[in-house]
């Protein structure tokens, strides 16, 4: 099993992530920041939003997902892949 497949399995099977309905605009914002500025800046952006009630349930799961993404060498090297996953494929991973 490849690195990417293991990443997908970890996300699918993590009870802290499953069944969370993510805001598409939130994922888009985080994906853009991830692509342009990297994982640390994306995390800082997420933490800065933790007081917002509409995003409260999404913050921890998204931080966990970013942590798992960072373990995948290809995603860390080409952050645009992480952006693509967040913006287009995250719903498929956790359904």
N, C-alpha and C. Protein backbone atom coordinates (compact mmCIF):
# COMPACT_ATOMS: atom_id res chain seq x y z
N UNK A 1 0.86 -1.18 0.00
CA UNK A 1 0.00 0.00 0.00
C UNK A 1 0.90 1.24 0.00
N UNK A 2 0.59 2.17 -0.86
CA UNK A 2 1.40 3.37 -0.98
C UNK A 2 1.09 4.39 0.10
N UNK A 3 1.95 5.37 0.15
CA UNK A 3 1.83 6.44 1.14
C UNK A 3 0.47 7.16 1.05
N UNK A 4 0.06 7.44 -0.18
CA UNK A 4 -1.19 8.16 -0.38
C UNK A 4 -2.39 7.32 0.04
N UNK A 5 -2.37 6.03 -0.28
CA UNK A 5 -3.46 5.14 0.11
C UNK A 5 -3.55 5.02 1.63
N UNK A 6 -2.40 4.98 2.30
CA UNK A 6 -2.40 4.93 3.77
C UNK A 6 -2.99 6.22 4.35
N UNK A 7 -2.65 7.35 3.74
CA UNK A 7 -3.22 8.63 4.17
C UNK A 7 -4.75 8.58 4.06
N UNK A 8 -5.25 8.13 2.93
CA UNK A 8 -6.70 8.08 2.73
C UNK A 8 -7.36 7.15 3.74
N UNK A 9 -6.75 6.01 4.01
CA UNK A 9 -7.30 5.08 5.00
C UNK A 9 -7.33 5.69 6.39
N UNK A 10 -6.26 6.37 6.78
CA UNK A 10 -6.23 6.99 8.11
C UNK A 10 -7.34 8.03 8.25
N UNK A 11 -7.57 8.81 7.21
CA UNK A 11 -8.62 9.83 7.25
C UNK A 11 -9.99 9.17 7.31
N UNK A 12 -10.21 8.20 6.46
CA UNK A 12 -11.51 7.51 6.42
C UNK A 12 -11.86 6.85 7.75
N UNK A 13 -10.85 6.31 8.41
CA UNK A 13 -11.10 5.51 9.62
C UNK A 13 -10.96 6.29 10.92
N UNK A 14 -10.66 7.56 10.85
CA UNK A 14 -10.50 8.36 12.06
C UNK A 14 -11.88 8.85 12.54
N UNK A 15 -12.33 8.39 13.71
CA UNK A 15 -13.66 8.79 14.18
C UNK A 15 -13.78 10.28 14.47
N UNK A 16 -12.65 10.96 14.67
CA UNK A 16 -12.69 12.40 14.92
C UNK A 16 -12.97 13.19 13.65
N UNK A 17 -12.78 12.56 12.50
CA UNK A 17 -12.97 13.22 11.21
C UNK A 17 -14.29 12.83 10.57
N UNK A 18 -14.67 11.58 10.74
CA UNK A 18 -15.87 11.08 10.08
C UNK A 18 -17.12 11.85 10.42
N UNK A 19 -17.96 11.98 9.45
CA UNK A 19 -19.29 12.61 9.58
C UNK A 19 -19.25 14.12 9.81
N UNK A 20 -18.10 14.74 9.71
CA UNK A 20 -18.03 16.20 9.82
C UNK A 20 -18.40 16.79 8.47
N UNK A 21 -19.31 17.74 8.49
CA UNK A 21 -19.69 18.46 7.27
C UNK A 21 -18.85 19.72 7.21
N UNK A 22 -17.91 19.73 6.29
CA UNK A 22 -17.01 20.87 6.16
C UNK A 22 -17.61 21.94 5.28
N UNK A 23 -17.37 23.18 5.63
CA UNK A 23 -17.78 24.32 4.82
C UNK A 23 -16.86 24.39 3.60
N UNK A 24 -17.44 24.44 2.41
CA UNK A 24 -16.62 24.48 1.20
C UNK A 24 -15.77 25.74 1.14
N UNK A 25 -16.31 26.86 1.61
CA UNK A 25 -15.51 28.10 1.57
C UNK A 25 -14.35 28.03 2.58
N UNK A 26 -14.57 27.40 3.72
CA UNK A 26 -13.51 27.21 4.71
C UNK A 26 -12.40 26.34 4.13
N UNK A 27 -12.78 25.23 3.50
CA UNK A 27 -11.79 24.35 2.88
C UNK A 27 -11.04 25.05 1.75
N UNK A 28 -11.75 25.86 1.00
CA UNK A 28 -11.12 26.59 -0.09
C UNK A 28 -10.09 27.58 0.45
N UNK A 29 -10.46 28.31 1.50
CA UNK A 29 -9.52 29.26 2.11
C UNK A 29 -8.28 28.55 2.65
N UNK A 30 -8.49 27.48 3.38
CA UNK A 30 -7.37 26.74 3.95
C UNK A 30 -6.51 26.14 2.84
N UNK A 31 -7.14 25.60 1.80
CA UNK A 31 -6.40 25.04 0.67
C UNK A 31 -5.54 26.08 -0.02
N UNK A 32 -6.08 27.27 -0.21
CA UNK A 32 -5.30 28.34 -0.85
C UNK A 32 -4.09 28.73 0.01
N UNK A 33 -4.31 28.85 1.31
CA UNK A 33 -3.21 29.20 2.21
C UNK A 33 -2.16 28.09 2.24
N UNK A 34 -2.62 26.85 2.29
CA UNK A 34 -1.71 25.72 2.27
C UNK A 34 -0.83 25.76 1.02
N UNK A 35 -1.45 25.98 -0.12
CA UNK A 35 -0.71 25.99 -1.38
C UNK A 35 0.31 27.12 -1.43
N UNK A 36 -0.10 28.30 -1.01
CA UNK A 36 0.77 29.48 -1.13
C UNK A 36 1.81 29.60 -0.02
N UNK A 37 1.41 29.23 1.21
CA UNK A 37 2.28 29.54 2.35
C UNK A 37 2.72 28.33 3.16
N UNK A 38 2.10 27.19 2.97
CA UNK A 38 2.55 25.99 3.65
C UNK A 38 1.67 25.56 4.82
N UNK A 39 2.05 24.44 5.40
CA UNK A 39 1.27 23.81 6.46
C UNK A 39 1.18 24.66 7.72
N UNK A 40 2.28 25.26 8.13
CA UNK A 40 2.25 26.04 9.37
C UNK A 40 1.32 27.24 9.26
N UNK A 41 1.37 27.95 8.15
CA UNK A 41 0.48 29.10 7.95
C UNK A 41 -0.98 28.66 7.89
N UNK A 42 -1.24 27.51 7.27
CA UNK A 42 -2.61 27.00 7.21
C UNK A 42 -3.12 26.70 8.62
N UNK A 43 -2.26 26.09 9.44
CA UNK A 43 -2.66 25.81 10.83
C UNK A 43 -2.93 27.10 11.61
N UNK A 44 -2.07 28.09 11.43
CA UNK A 44 -2.27 29.37 12.13
C UNK A 44 -3.59 30.00 11.72
N UNK A 45 -3.92 29.93 10.45
CA UNK A 45 -5.19 30.47 9.96
C UNK A 45 -6.37 29.76 10.62
N UNK A 46 -6.29 28.44 10.69
CA UNK A 46 -7.37 27.66 11.31
C UNK A 46 -7.51 28.04 12.79
N UNK A 47 -6.39 28.10 13.51
CA UNK A 47 -6.44 28.45 14.93
C UNK A 47 -7.01 29.84 15.16
N UNK A 48 -6.72 30.75 14.25
CA UNK A 48 -7.24 32.12 14.38
C UNK A 48 -8.76 32.17 14.28
N UNK A 49 -9.35 31.15 13.68
CA UNK A 49 -10.81 31.12 13.49
C UNK A 49 -11.54 30.31 14.55
N UNK A 50 -10.84 29.84 15.57
CA UNK A 50 -11.45 28.90 16.51
C UNK A 50 -12.60 29.47 17.32
N UNK A 51 -12.77 30.77 17.39
CA UNK A 51 -13.88 31.34 18.13
C UNK A 51 -15.18 31.40 17.35
N UNK A 52 -15.12 31.09 16.08
CA UNK A 52 -16.32 31.15 15.25
C UNK A 52 -17.18 29.90 15.44
N UNK A 53 -18.40 30.10 15.86
CA UNK A 53 -19.29 28.98 16.13
C UNK A 53 -19.56 28.13 14.89
N UNK A 54 -19.67 28.78 13.72
CA UNK A 54 -19.98 28.04 12.51
C UNK A 54 -18.84 27.12 12.07
N UNK A 55 -17.64 27.34 12.57
CA UNK A 55 -16.48 26.52 12.19
C UNK A 55 -15.97 25.64 13.32
N UNK A 56 -16.54 25.80 14.50
CA UNK A 56 -16.03 25.15 15.71
C UNK A 56 -15.82 23.64 15.55
N UNK A 57 -16.80 22.94 15.00
CA UNK A 57 -16.71 21.48 14.86
C UNK A 57 -15.74 21.05 13.76
N UNK A 58 -15.38 21.96 12.89
CA UNK A 58 -14.52 21.63 11.75
C UNK A 58 -13.03 21.80 12.04
N UNK A 59 -12.71 22.57 13.05
CA UNK A 59 -11.32 22.96 13.29
C UNK A 59 -10.42 21.78 13.65
N UNK A 60 -10.74 21.03 14.69
CA UNK A 60 -9.89 19.91 15.10
C UNK A 60 -9.76 18.87 13.99
N UNK A 61 -10.87 18.44 13.36
CA UNK A 61 -10.71 17.47 12.28
C UNK A 61 -9.83 17.97 11.14
N UNK A 62 -9.95 19.24 10.80
CA UNK A 62 -9.13 19.77 9.71
C UNK A 62 -7.65 19.84 10.11
N UNK A 63 -7.38 20.16 11.36
CA UNK A 63 -5.99 20.14 11.83
C UNK A 63 -5.42 18.72 11.78
N UNK A 64 -6.24 17.74 12.13
CA UNK A 64 -5.81 16.34 12.05
C UNK A 64 -5.52 15.95 10.61
N UNK A 65 -6.38 16.37 9.69
CA UNK A 65 -6.18 16.07 8.28
C UNK A 65 -4.89 16.69 7.76
N UNK A 66 -4.64 17.95 8.13
CA UNK A 66 -3.39 18.60 7.71
C UNK A 66 -2.17 17.83 8.24
N UNK A 67 -2.25 17.37 9.48
CA UNK A 67 -1.16 16.59 10.05
C UNK A 67 -0.90 15.31 9.28
N UNK A 68 -1.98 14.65 8.87
CA UNK A 68 -1.83 13.42 8.08
C UNK A 68 -1.30 13.73 6.68
N UNK A 69 -1.76 14.83 6.10
CA UNK A 69 -1.27 15.23 4.77
C UNK A 69 0.23 15.48 4.80
N UNK A 70 0.68 16.12 5.85
CA UNK A 70 2.08 16.49 5.96
C UNK A 70 2.99 15.26 6.02
N UNK A 71 2.46 14.13 6.42
CA UNK A 71 3.24 12.89 6.47
C UNK A 71 3.45 12.28 5.10
N UNK A 72 2.67 12.73 4.11
CA UNK A 72 2.77 12.19 2.75
C UNK A 72 3.78 13.05 1.98
N UNK A 73 4.90 12.46 1.65
CA UNK A 73 5.99 13.21 1.03
C UNK A 73 5.55 13.97 -0.22
N UNK A 74 4.77 13.34 -1.07
CA UNK A 74 4.34 13.98 -2.32
C UNK A 74 3.49 15.22 -2.04
N UNK A 75 2.63 15.15 -1.04
CA UNK A 75 1.79 16.31 -0.70
C UNK A 75 2.65 17.40 -0.08
N UNK A 76 3.60 17.02 0.76
CA UNK A 76 4.46 18.04 1.37
C UNK A 76 5.31 18.74 0.32
N UNK A 77 5.79 17.99 -0.67
CA UNK A 77 6.61 18.58 -1.73
C UNK A 77 5.79 19.43 -2.70
N UNK A 78 4.58 18.98 -3.00
CA UNK A 78 3.71 19.69 -3.94
C UNK A 78 2.40 20.03 -3.22
N UNK A 79 2.41 21.14 -2.53
CA UNK A 79 1.26 21.50 -1.70
C UNK A 79 -0.01 21.72 -2.51
N UNK A 80 0.12 21.95 -3.80
CA UNK A 80 -1.06 22.10 -4.65
C UNK A 80 -1.91 20.83 -4.62
N UNK A 81 -1.29 19.68 -4.39
CA UNK A 81 -2.04 18.43 -4.26
C UNK A 81 -2.91 18.49 -3.00
N UNK A 82 -2.35 18.99 -1.92
CA UNK A 82 -3.13 19.15 -0.68
C UNK A 82 -4.29 20.09 -0.88
N UNK A 83 -4.05 21.18 -1.59
CA UNK A 83 -5.12 22.13 -1.90
C UNK A 83 -6.22 21.45 -2.70
N UNK A 84 -5.83 20.66 -3.69
CA UNK A 84 -6.81 19.95 -4.52
C UNK A 84 -7.64 18.98 -3.67
N UNK A 85 -6.98 18.26 -2.79
CA UNK A 85 -7.70 17.31 -1.93
C UNK A 85 -8.70 18.05 -1.05
N UNK A 86 -8.28 19.14 -0.43
CA UNK A 86 -9.18 19.89 0.44
C UNK A 86 -10.36 20.46 -0.33
N UNK A 87 -10.11 21.01 -1.50
CA UNK A 87 -11.15 21.70 -2.24
C UNK A 87 -12.08 20.76 -3.00
N UNK A 88 -11.57 19.59 -3.41
CA UNK A 88 -12.35 18.75 -4.31
C UNK A 88 -12.62 17.33 -3.84
N UNK A 89 -11.77 16.78 -3.01
CA UNK A 89 -11.87 15.35 -2.71
C UNK A 89 -12.14 15.01 -1.25
N UNK A 90 -12.08 15.96 -0.36
CA UNK A 90 -12.22 15.64 1.06
C UNK A 90 -13.55 14.97 1.35
N UNK A 91 -14.61 15.43 0.75
CA UNK A 91 -15.92 14.81 0.96
C UNK A 91 -15.94 13.35 0.58
N UNK A 92 -15.23 12.98 -0.47
CA UNK A 92 -15.17 11.59 -0.90
C UNK A 92 -14.37 10.73 0.07
N UNK A 93 -13.36 11.32 0.69
CA UNK A 93 -12.53 10.56 1.62
C UNK A 93 -13.28 10.18 2.89
N UNK A 94 -14.19 11.03 3.34
CA UNK A 94 -14.80 10.77 4.65
C UNK A 94 -16.23 10.26 4.56
N UNK A 95 -16.75 10.06 3.37
CA UNK A 95 -18.12 9.54 3.26
C UNK A 95 -18.15 8.05 3.40
